[in-house]
Amino acid sequence: MNIKVEKRNRLKKRIRSKIFGTKEIPRLSVYRSNKFIYAQLIDDDKNKTLASASDIKIKKGTKQERAVKVGEAIAEAAKKAKINKVIFDRNGFKYTGRIMVLAQEARKKGLKF
């Protein structure tokens, strides 16, 4: 296995031991692949995804611009589900680049974390 992947998995394990999402305050989990970025609101009590967004269908723009749109989309989905507070789970990724842009945009659109 790749050393970077192993390191991210160790970080992810450490982060997940400390955070837990509920129905009232779900976990906002972000995953970044080389091509796309995904965000989910997860209720860990029931192991259920409450809302999700990704940039798979967004064809135009740079990866950063698409991350902004995913941040907006997940915030809108949270509003529809009547959720305004979340716990941010960066999933072992560094809080820079697309992860940071997505989080900042979600905050601008009204999510609190």
C-alpha atoms as a PDB file:
ATOM      1  CA  MET A   1       0.000   0.000   0.000  1.00  0.00           C
ATOM      2  CA  ASN A   2       1.080   3.563  -0.652  1.00  0.00           C
ATOM      3  CA  ILE A   3       2.815   5.356   2.249  1.00  0.00           C
ATOM      4  CA  LYS A   4       0.624   8.456   1.781  1.00  0.00           C
ATOM      5  CA  VAL A   5      -2.531   6.377   1.934  1.00  0.00           C
ATOM      6  CA  GLU A   6      -1.325   4.596   5.076  1.00  0.00           C
ATOM      7  CA  LYS A   7      -0.549   7.925   6.743  1.00  0.00           C
ATOM      8  CA  ARG A   8      -3.983   9.328   5.810  1.00  0.00           C
ATOM      9  CA  ASN A   9      -5.666   6.208   7.167  1.00  0.00           C
ATOM     10  CA  ARG A  10      -3.794   6.547  10.483  1.00  0.00           C
ATOM     11  CA  LEU A  11      -4.849  10.203  10.736  1.00  0.00           C
ATOM     12  CA  LYS A  12      -8.412   9.300   9.768  1.00  0.00           C
ATOM     13  CA  LYS A  13      -8.566   6.673  12.515  1.00  0.00           C
ATOM     14  CA  ARG A  14      -7.322   9.168  15.108  1.00  0.00           C
ATOM     15  CA  ILE A  15      -9.799  11.838  13.978  1.00  0.00           C
ATOM     16  CA  ARG A  16     -12.764   9.443  13.885  1.00  0.00           C
ATOM     17  CA  SER A  17     -12.067   8.250  17.436  1.00  0.00           C
ATOM     18  CA  LYS A  18     -12.807  11.782  18.655  1.00  0.00           C
ATOM     19  CA  ILE A  19     -15.786  12.869  16.537  1.00  0.00           C
ATOM     20  CA  PHE A  20     -19.251  11.379  16.273  1.00  0.00           C
ATOM     21  CA  GLY A  21     -22.310  12.607  14.385  1.00  0.00           C
ATOM     22  CA  THR A  22     -25.900  12.480  15.595  1.00  0.00           C
ATOM     23  CA  LYS A  23     -29.224  13.296  13.944  1.00  0.00           C
ATOM     24  CA  GLU A  24     -29.195  16.823  15.411  1.00  0.00           C
ATOM     25  CA  ILE A  25     -25.470  17.469  14.781  1.00  0.00           C
ATOM     26  CA  PRO A  26     -24.330  15.190  11.940  1.00  0.00           C
ATOM     27  CA  ARG A  27     -20.774  14.632  10.789  1.00  0.00           C
ATOM     28  CA  LEU A  28     -19.794  16.479   7.579  1.00  0.00           C
ATOM     29  CA  SER A  29     -17.420  13.985   5.973  1.00  0.00           C
ATOM     30  CA  VAL A  30     -15.321  15.165   3.026  1.00  0.00           C
ATOM     31  CA  TYR A  31     -13.478  12.888   0.603  1.00  0.00           C
ATOM     32  CA  ARG A  32     -11.090  14.160  -2.056  1.00  0.00           C
ATOM     33  CA  SER A  33     -10.004  11.992  -4.976  1.00  0.00           C
ATOM     34  CA  ASN A  34      -7.694  13.060  -7.777  1.00  0.00           C
ATOM     35  CA  LYS A  35     -10.656  14.007  -9.989  1.00  0.00           C
ATOM     36  CA  PHE A  36     -13.600  14.738  -7.714  1.00  0.00           C
ATOM     37  CA  ILE A  37     -14.631  15.871  -4.232  1.00  0.00           C
ATOM     38  CA  TYR A  38     -17.506  14.459  -2.192  1.00  0.00           C
ATOM     39  CA  ALA A  39     -19.298  15.643   0.953  1.00  0.00           C
ATOM     40  CA  GLN A  40     -21.796  13.783   3.140  1.00  0.00           C
ATOM     41  CA  LEU A  41     -23.808  14.545   6.247  1.00  0.00           C
ATOM     42  CA  ILE A  42     -23.769  11.355   8.307  1.00  0.00           C
ATOM     43  CA  ASP A  43     -25.777  10.278  11.363  1.00  0.00           C
ATOM     44  CA  ASP A  44     -23.421   7.841  13.127  1.00  0.00           C
ATOM     45  CA  ASP A  45     -26.136   6.679  15.561  1.00  0.00           C
ATOM     46  CA  LYS A  46     -28.087   5.030  12.739  1.00  0.00           C
ATOM     47  CA  ASN A  47     -25.191   4.737  10.232  1.00  0.00           C
ATOM     48  CA  LYS A  48     -27.237   6.721   7.743  1.00  0.00           C
ATOM     49  CA  THR A  49     -26.347   9.416   5.210  1.00  0.00           C
ATOM     50  CA  LEU A  50     -28.688  12.390   5.645  1.00  0.00           C
ATOM     51  CA  ALA A  51     -27.479  14.423   2.635  1.00  0.00           C
ATOM     52  CA  SER A  52     -24.691  14.309   0.094  1.00  0.00           C
ATOM     53  CA  ALA A  53     -23.098  16.370  -2.681  1.00  0.00           C
ATOM     54  CA  SER A  54     -20.309  15.853  -5.188  1.00  0.00           C
ATOM     55  CA  ASP A  55     -18.834  17.490  -8.278  1.00  0.00           C
ATOM     56  CA  ILE A  56     -19.186  14.495 -10.604  1.00  0.00           C
ATOM     57  CA  LYS A  57     -21.924  16.175 -12.664  1.00  0.00           C
ATOM     58  CA  ILE A  58     -20.203  19.585 -12.650  1.00  0.00           C
ATOM     59  CA  LYS A  59     -18.133  19.702 -15.838  1.00  0.00           C
ATOM     60  CA  LYS A  60     -16.909  23.304 -15.960  1.00  0.00           C
ATOM     61  CA  GLY A  61     -14.357  25.054 -13.776  1.00  0.00           C
ATOM     62  CA  THR A  62     -11.202  24.173 -11.936  1.00  0.00           C
ATOM     63  CA  LYS A  63     -11.136  21.711  -9.036  1.00  0.00           C
ATOM     64  CA  GLN A  64     -11.189  24.639  -6.579  1.00  0.00           C
ATOM     65  CA  GLU A  65     -14.247  26.198  -8.275  1.00  0.00           C
ATOM     66  CA  ARG A  66     -16.036  22.848  -8.249  1.00  0.00           C
ATOM     67  CA  ALA A  67     -15.216  22.435  -4.528  1.00  0.00           C
ATOM     68  CA  VAL A  68     -16.907  25.805  -3.899  1.00  0.00           C
ATOM     69  CA  LYS A  69     -20.053  24.536  -5.636  1.00  0.00           C
ATOM     70  CA  VAL A  70     -20.010  21.313  -3.606  1.00  0.00           C
ATOM     71  CA  GLY A  71     -19.733  23.393  -0.403  1.00  0.00           C
ATOM     72  CA  GLU A  72     -22.758  25.422  -1.481  1.00  0.00           C
ATOM     73  CA  ALA A  73     -24.682  22.275  -2.434  1.00  0.00           C
ATOM     74  CA  ILE A  74     -24.052  20.490   0.869  1.00  0.00           C
ATOM     75  CA  ALA A  75     -25.102  23.616   2.796  1.00  0.00           C
ATOM     76  CA  GLU A  76     -28.333  23.827   0.772  1.00  0.00           C
ATOM     77  CA  ALA A  77     -29.011  20.116   1.341  1.00  0.00           C
ATOM     78  CA  ALA A  78     -28.443  20.643   5.074  1.00  0.00           C
ATOM     79  CA  LYS A  79     -30.934  23.523   5.113  1.00  0.00           C
ATOM     80  CA  LYS A  80     -33.542  21.325   3.418  1.00  0.00           C
ATOM     81  CA  ALA A  81     -32.951  18.679   6.089  1.00  0.00           C
ATOM     82  CA  LYS A  82     -33.257  21.416   8.769  1.00  0.00           C
ATOM     83  CA  ILE A  83     -29.644  21.018   9.895  1.00  0.00           C
ATOM     84  CA  ASN A  84     -27.602  24.103  10.766  1.00  0.00           C
ATOM     85  CA  LYS A  85     -24.800  22.700  12.946  1.00  0.00           C
ATOM     86  CA  VAL A  86     -22.345  19.950  11.949  1.00  0.00           C
ATOM     87  CA  ILE A  87     -19.058  18.370  13.011  1.00  0.00           C
ATOM     88  CA  PHE A  88     -16.409  18.648  10.284  1.00  0.00           C
ATOM     89  CA  ASP A  89     -14.550  15.459   9.370  1.00  0.00           C
ATOM     90  CA  ARG A  90     -11.634  16.132   7.020  1.00  0.00           C
ATOM     91  CA  ASN A  91     -11.112  12.373   6.676  1.00  0.00           C
ATOM     92  CA  GLY A  92      -7.341  12.471   7.227  1.00  0.00           C
ATOM     93  CA  PHE A  93      -6.723  15.090   4.533  1.00  0.00           C
ATOM     94  CA  LYS A  94      -4.857  18.296   5.334  1.00  0.00           C
ATOM     95  CA  TYR A  95      -7.053  21.347   5.866  1.00  0.00           C
ATOM     96  CA  THR A  96      -5.794  23.163   2.776  1.00  0.00           C
ATOM     97  CA  GLY A  97      -6.812  23.549  -0.840  1.00  0.00           C
ATOM     98  CA  ARG A  98     -10.109  22.022  -1.895  1.00  0.00           C
ATOM     99  CA  ILE A  99     -10.975  20.758   1.607  1.00  0.00           C
ATOM    100  CA  MET A 100     -10.598  24.259   3.068  1.00  0.00           C
ATOM    101  CA  VAL A 101     -12.487  25.916   0.198  1.00  0.00           C
ATOM    102  CA  LEU A 102     -15.416  23.503   0.605  1.00  0.00           C
ATOM    103  CA  ALA A 103     -15.553  24.120   4.374  1.00  0.00           C
ATOM    104  CA  GLN A 104     -15.382  27.904   4.011  1.00  0.00           C
ATOM    105  CA  GLU A 105     -18.164  27.933   1.431  1.00  0.00           C
ATOM    106  CA  ALA A 106     -20.377  25.739   3.610  1.00  0.00           C
ATOM    107  CA  ARG A 107     -19.809  28.196   6.484  1.00  0.00           C
ATOM    108  CA  LYS A 108     -20.689  31.156   4.254  1.00  0.00           C
ATOM    109  CA  LYS A 109     -23.969  29.466   3.309  1.00  0.00           C
ATOM    110  CA  GLY A 110     -24.980  29.060   6.949  1.00  0.00           C
ATOM    111  CA  LEU A 111     -23.560  25.802   8.306  1.00  0.00           C
ATOM    112  CA  LYS A 112     -21.964  26.168  11.739  1.00  0.00           C
ATOM    113  CA  PHE A 113     -18.885  24.166  12.730  1.00  0.00           C
END
